[in-house]
Protein backbone atom coordinates (compact mmCIF):
# COMPACT_ATOMS: atom_id res chain seq x y z
CA UNK A 1 -76.37 -217.16 -28.69
CA UNK A 2 -74.75 -215.79 -31.78
CA UNK A 3 -71.34 -216.82 -32.97
CA UNK A 4 -69.71 -213.43 -32.18
CA UNK A 5 -71.03 -213.62 -28.61
CA UNK A 6 -69.57 -217.10 -28.18
CA UNK A 7 -66.29 -215.90 -29.65
CA UNK A 8 -66.15 -212.95 -27.21
CA UNK A 9 -66.92 -215.26 -24.29
CA UNK A 10 -64.14 -217.61 -25.37
CA UNK A 11 -61.66 -214.73 -25.64
CA UNK A 12 -62.57 -213.55 -22.13
CA UNK A 13 -62.20 -217.01 -20.61
CA UNK A 14 -59.11 -218.03 -22.57
CA UNK A 15 -56.56 -216.80 -20.04
CA UNK A 16 -58.78 -217.09 -16.98
CA UNK A 17 -57.63 -219.39 -14.16
CA UNK A 18 -61.24 -220.46 -13.67
CA UNK A 19 -61.43 -221.57 -17.29
CA UNK A 20 -58.15 -223.48 -16.98
CA UNK A 21 -59.38 -225.30 -13.86
CA UNK A 22 -62.74 -225.98 -15.52
CA UNK A 23 -61.05 -227.34 -18.62
CA UNK A 24 -58.76 -229.51 -16.52
CA UNK A 25 -61.73 -230.92 -14.61
CA UNK A 26 -63.56 -231.58 -17.88
CA UNK A 27 -60.59 -233.39 -19.43
CA UNK A 28 -59.95 -235.41 -16.26
CA UNK A 29 -63.61 -236.39 -16.03
CA UNK A 30 -63.63 -237.43 -19.67
CA UNK A 31 -60.55 -239.59 -19.19
CA UNK A 32 -61.96 -241.24 -16.07
CA UNK A 33 -65.27 -241.97 -17.79
CA UNK A 34 -63.52 -243.42 -20.84
CA UNK A 35 -61.32 -245.61 -18.64
CA UNK A 36 -64.20 -246.90 -16.51
CA UNK A 37 -66.78 -247.32 -19.27
CA UNK A 38 -64.63 -248.52 -22.17
CA UNK A 39 -61.12 -249.63 -21.27
CA UNK A 40 -61.56 -251.42 -17.92
CA UNK A 41 -64.41 -253.74 -19.09
CA UNK A 42 -62.36 -254.66 -22.17
CA UNK A 43 -59.29 -255.49 -20.08
CA UNK A 44 -61.38 -257.41 -17.53
CA UNK A 45 -62.92 -259.57 -20.26
CA UNK A 46 -59.51 -260.25 -21.79
CA UNK A 47 -57.94 -261.18 -18.44
CA UNK A 48 -60.88 -263.45 -17.61
CA UNK A 49 -60.55 -265.22 -20.96
CA UNK A 50 -56.80 -265.70 -20.42
CA UNK A 51 -57.43 -267.06 -16.92
CA UNK A 52 -60.07 -269.47 -18.21
CA UNK A 53 -57.73 -270.71 -20.93
CA UNK A 54 -54.95 -271.27 -18.39
CA UNK A 55 -57.32 -273.07 -16.01
CA UNK A 56 -58.55 -275.32 -18.83
CA UNK A 57 -54.96 -276.10 -19.82
CA UNK A 58 -54.02 -277.01 -16.24
CA UNK A 59 -57.18 -279.12 -15.88
CA UNK A 60 -56.43 -281.02 -19.10
CA UNK A 61 -52.83 -281.60 -18.02
CA UNK A 62 -54.01 -282.97 -14.67
CA UNK A 63 -56.55 -285.19 -16.41
CA UNK A 64 -53.99 -286.63 -18.83
CA UNK A 65 -51.48 -287.08 -15.98
CA UNK A 66 -54.10 -288.96 -13.95
CA UNK A 67 -55.00 -291.17 -16.91
CA UNK A 68 -51.34 -292.00 -17.54
CA UNK A 69 -50.81 -292.95 -13.90
CA UNK A 70 -53.86 -295.24 -13.82
CA UNK A 71 -52.83 -296.95 -17.06
CA UNK A 72 -49.30 -297.53 -15.72
CA UNK A 73 -50.58 -299.08 -12.48
CA UNK A 74 -52.95 -301.46 -14.26
């Protein structure tokens, strides 16, 4: 297709309700794909790392608390 033909097609579709709906679907699909493929895995990894760090902290606190109690009872 030549550039003038594409330009004419764009001018015809510019105000068309079908084009508006199609563009809306395209934008929505792009946003959903970006969220699912890029953003959600990043957030999931970050939340998992934060949870692991908190679990390790709690585990270390319990370990040190247990060691203090056994040394006090001895």
